[in-house]
């Protein structure tokens, strides 16, 4: 994707993973979101075709975002936007100069 206004990259997303940590009070292990890095992103409006494709694949609670191309981003990350968690479902990557990637996110835990 070549044409996207940089001013629209006005929101922050944290990319990370879940790690096991021991709760000091109870001694029980619990999973905690551990951010690895954060990136600026903008919202991406889905076309009717994209909405139908996601619905056909039983992906109902999804979101698409646009970021500057970044080789760090992969399908293994969990993404935190505000207080919501999402799993990276798909990355439409463009590694050209001044290019953007479109990332499909699915609500984590559903």
C-alpha atoms as a PDB file:
ATOM      1  CA  UNK A   1       0.000   0.000   0.000  1.00  0.00           C
ATOM      2  CA  UNK A   2       1.609   3.218  -1.130  1.00  0.00           C
ATOM      3  CA  UNK A   3      -0.936   5.979  -0.585  1.00  0.00           C
ATOM      4  CA  UNK A   4      -1.844   6.647   3.035  1.00  0.00           C
ATOM      5  CA  UNK A   5      -1.722  10.023   4.741  1.00  0.00           C
ATOM      6  CA  UNK A   6       0.930   9.983   7.489  1.00  0.00           C
ATOM      7  CA  UNK A   7      -1.243  12.276   9.611  1.00  0.00           C
ATOM      8  CA  UNK A   8      -3.713   9.385   9.970  1.00  0.00           C
ATOM      9  CA  UNK A   9      -1.115   7.348  11.893  1.00  0.00           C
ATOM     10  CA  UNK A  10      -2.242   9.003  15.116  1.00  0.00           C
ATOM     11  CA  UNK A  11      -2.912   6.086  17.476  1.00  0.00           C
ATOM     12  CA  UNK A  12      -0.486   3.903  19.423  1.00  0.00           C
ATOM     13  CA  UNK A  13      -0.470   0.076  19.504  1.00  0.00           C
ATOM     14  CA  UNK A  14       1.709  -2.142  21.687  1.00  0.00           C
ATOM     15  CA  UNK A  15       2.979  -5.413  20.209  1.00  0.00           C
ATOM     16  CA  UNK A  16       3.961  -8.103  22.682  1.00  0.00           C
ATOM     17  CA  UNK A  17       3.399 -11.591  24.048  1.00  0.00           C
ATOM     18  CA  UNK A  18       2.005 -13.274  27.121  1.00  0.00           C
ATOM     19  CA  UNK A  19       4.519 -14.437  29.708  1.00  0.00           C
ATOM     20  CA  UNK A  20       4.137 -16.545  32.843  1.00  0.00           C
ATOM     21  CA  UNK A  21       4.818 -14.648  36.049  1.00  0.00           C
ATOM     22  CA  UNK A  22       4.510 -15.722  39.664  1.00  0.00           C
ATOM     23  CA  UNK A  23       2.095 -13.681  41.761  1.00  0.00           C
ATOM     24  CA  UNK A  24       4.083 -12.677  44.855  1.00  0.00           C
ATOM     25  CA  UNK A  25       0.983 -12.693  47.061  1.00  0.00           C
ATOM     26  CA  UNK A  26      -0.431 -16.095  46.100  1.00  0.00           C
ATOM     27  CA  UNK A  27       2.554 -17.945  44.652  1.00  0.00           C
ATOM     28  CA  UNK A  28       0.399 -18.931  41.660  1.00  0.00           C
ATOM     29  CA  UNK A  29       1.577 -18.358  38.110  1.00  0.00           C
ATOM     30  CA  UNK A  30      -0.432 -16.018  35.935  1.00  0.00           C
ATOM     31  CA  UNK A  31      -0.148 -14.824  32.368  1.00  0.00           C
ATOM     32  CA  UNK A  32       0.722 -11.168  31.877  1.00  0.00           C
ATOM     33  CA  UNK A  33       0.919  -9.121  28.674  1.00  0.00           C
ATOM     34  CA  UNK A  34       4.540  -8.132  28.101  1.00  0.00           C
ATOM     35  CA  UNK A  35       4.948  -5.376  25.469  1.00  0.00           C
ATOM     36  CA  UNK A  36       7.976  -5.703  23.169  1.00  0.00           C
ATOM     37  CA  UNK A  37       7.586  -2.500  21.138  1.00  0.00           C
ATOM     38  CA  UNK A  38       4.955   0.045  20.134  1.00  0.00           C
ATOM     39  CA  UNK A  39       4.080   1.588  16.781  1.00  0.00           C
ATOM     40  CA  UNK A  40       1.919   4.392  15.450  1.00  0.00           C
ATOM     41  CA  UNK A  41      -1.064   3.160  13.449  1.00  0.00           C
ATOM     42  CA  UNK A  42      -4.145   4.397  11.643  1.00  0.00           C
ATOM     43  CA  UNK A  43      -7.507   2.736  11.144  1.00  0.00           C
ATOM     44  CA  UNK A  44      -8.223   1.011   7.845  1.00  0.00           C
ATOM     45  CA  UNK A  45     -11.755   0.921   6.468  1.00  0.00           C
ATOM     46  CA  UNK A  46     -12.736  -2.540   5.254  1.00  0.00           C
ATOM     47  CA  UNK A  47     -14.346  -2.945   1.861  1.00  0.00           C
ATOM     48  CA  UNK A  48     -17.559  -4.947   1.520  1.00  0.00           C
ATOM     49  CA  UNK A  49     -15.543  -7.799  -0.024  1.00  0.00           C
ATOM     50  CA  UNK A  50     -13.133  -7.859   2.932  1.00  0.00           C
ATOM     51  CA  UNK A  51     -16.040  -7.852   5.397  1.00  0.00           C
ATOM     52  CA  UNK A  52     -17.710 -10.759   3.588  1.00  0.00           C
ATOM     53  CA  UNK A  53     -14.451 -12.727   3.459  1.00  0.00           C
ATOM     54  CA  UNK A  54     -13.866 -12.294   7.188  1.00  0.00           C
ATOM     55  CA  UNK A  55     -17.488 -13.183   7.972  1.00  0.00           C
ATOM     56  CA  UNK A  56     -17.221 -16.296   5.783  1.00  0.00           C
ATOM     57  CA  UNK A  57     -14.197 -17.384   7.818  1.00  0.00           C
ATOM     58  CA  UNK A  58     -16.152 -16.913  11.083  1.00  0.00           C
ATOM     59  CA  UNK A  59     -14.039 -13.902  12.008  1.00  0.00           C
ATOM     60  CA  UNK A  60     -16.595 -11.508  13.417  1.00  0.00           C
ATOM     61  CA  UNK A  61     -14.747  -9.307  15.902  1.00  0.00           C
ATOM     62  CA  UNK A  62     -11.927  -8.018  13.719  1.00  0.00           C
ATOM     63  CA  UNK A  63     -10.169  -4.759  13.026  1.00  0.00           C
ATOM     64  CA  UNK A  64      -7.743  -3.647  10.322  1.00  0.00           C
ATOM     65  CA  UNK A  65      -4.951  -1.181  10.986  1.00  0.00           C
ATOM     66  CA  UNK A  66      -2.232   0.456   8.874  1.00  0.00           C
ATOM     67  CA  UNK A  67       1.378   0.849  10.027  1.00  0.00           C
ATOM     68  CA  UNK A  68       4.604   1.926   8.355  1.00  0.00           C
ATOM     69  CA  UNK A  69       6.324  -1.199   7.037  1.00  0.00           C
ATOM     70  CA  UNK A  70       8.164  -2.891   9.906  1.00  0.00           C
ATOM     71  CA  UNK A  71       9.988  -6.234   9.689  1.00  0.00           C
ATOM     72  CA  UNK A  72       9.519  -6.810  13.440  1.00  0.00           C
ATOM     73  CA  UNK A  73       5.783  -7.338  13.064  1.00  0.00           C
ATOM     74  CA  UNK A  74       4.780 -10.981  12.653  1.00  0.00           C
ATOM     75  CA  UNK A  75       1.798 -13.209  13.288  1.00  0.00           C
ATOM     76  CA  UNK A  76       3.149 -14.306  16.668  1.00  0.00           C
ATOM     77  CA  UNK A  77       2.333 -11.050  18.446  1.00  0.00           C
ATOM     78  CA  UNK A  78      -0.588  -9.976  20.584  1.00  0.00           C
ATOM     79  CA  UNK A  79      -1.530  -6.315  20.043  1.00  0.00           C
ATOM     80  CA  UNK A  80      -2.861  -4.037  22.771  1.00  0.00           C
ATOM     81  CA  UNK A  81      -4.870  -1.026  21.609  1.00  0.00           C
ATOM     82  CA  UNK A  82      -6.192   1.034  24.502  1.00  0.00           C
ATOM     83  CA  UNK A  83      -7.198  -1.780  26.879  1.00  0.00           C
ATOM     84  CA  UNK A  84      -8.304  -4.280  24.208  1.00  0.00           C
ATOM     85  CA  UNK A  85      -6.163  -7.230  23.125  1.00  0.00           C
ATOM     86  CA  UNK A  86      -6.008  -8.587  19.571  1.00  0.00           C
ATOM     87  CA  UNK A  87      -4.142 -11.406  17.835  1.00  0.00           C
ATOM     88  CA  UNK A  88      -2.445 -10.724  14.492  1.00  0.00           C
ATOM     89  CA  UNK A  89      -4.439 -12.692  11.926  1.00  0.00           C
ATOM     90  CA  UNK A  90      -2.925 -11.482   8.654  1.00  0.00           C
ATOM     91  CA  UNK A  91      -0.299  -9.034   7.424  1.00  0.00           C
ATOM     92  CA  UNK A  92      -0.536  -7.541   3.931  1.00  0.00           C
ATOM     93  CA  UNK A  93       3.068  -6.427   3.730  1.00  0.00           C
ATOM     94  CA  UNK A  94       4.712  -4.040   1.285  1.00  0.00           C
ATOM     95  CA  UNK A  95       8.475  -3.685   1.736  1.00  0.00           C
ATOM     96  CA  UNK A  96       8.995  -0.854  -0.729  1.00  0.00           C
ATOM     97  CA  UNK A  97      10.299   2.594   0.143  1.00  0.00           C
ATOM     98  CA  UNK A  98       7.744   4.655   2.104  1.00  0.00           C
ATOM     99  CA  UNK A  99       5.285   1.767   2.164  1.00  0.00           C
ATOM    100  CA  UNK A 100       2.619   0.706   4.627  1.00  0.00           C
ATOM    101  CA  UNK A 101       1.387  -2.653   5.908  1.00  0.00           C
ATOM    102  CA  UNK A 102      -2.263  -3.519   6.514  1.00  0.00           C
ATOM    103  CA  UNK A 103      -2.688  -5.791   9.537  1.00  0.00           C
ATOM    104  CA  UNK A 104      -5.864  -7.748  10.273  1.00  0.00           C
ATOM    105  CA  UNK A 105      -6.456  -8.152  14.006  1.00  0.00           C
ATOM    106  CA  UNK A 106      -8.912 -10.503  15.711  1.00  0.00           C
ATOM    107  CA  UNK A 107     -10.142  -9.963  19.258  1.00  0.00           C
ATOM    108  CA  UNK A 108      -7.902 -12.056  21.529  1.00  0.00           C
ATOM    109  CA  UNK A 109      -9.532 -14.872  23.467  1.00  0.00           C
ATOM    110  CA  UNK A 110     -12.500 -15.377  21.155  1.00  0.00           C
END
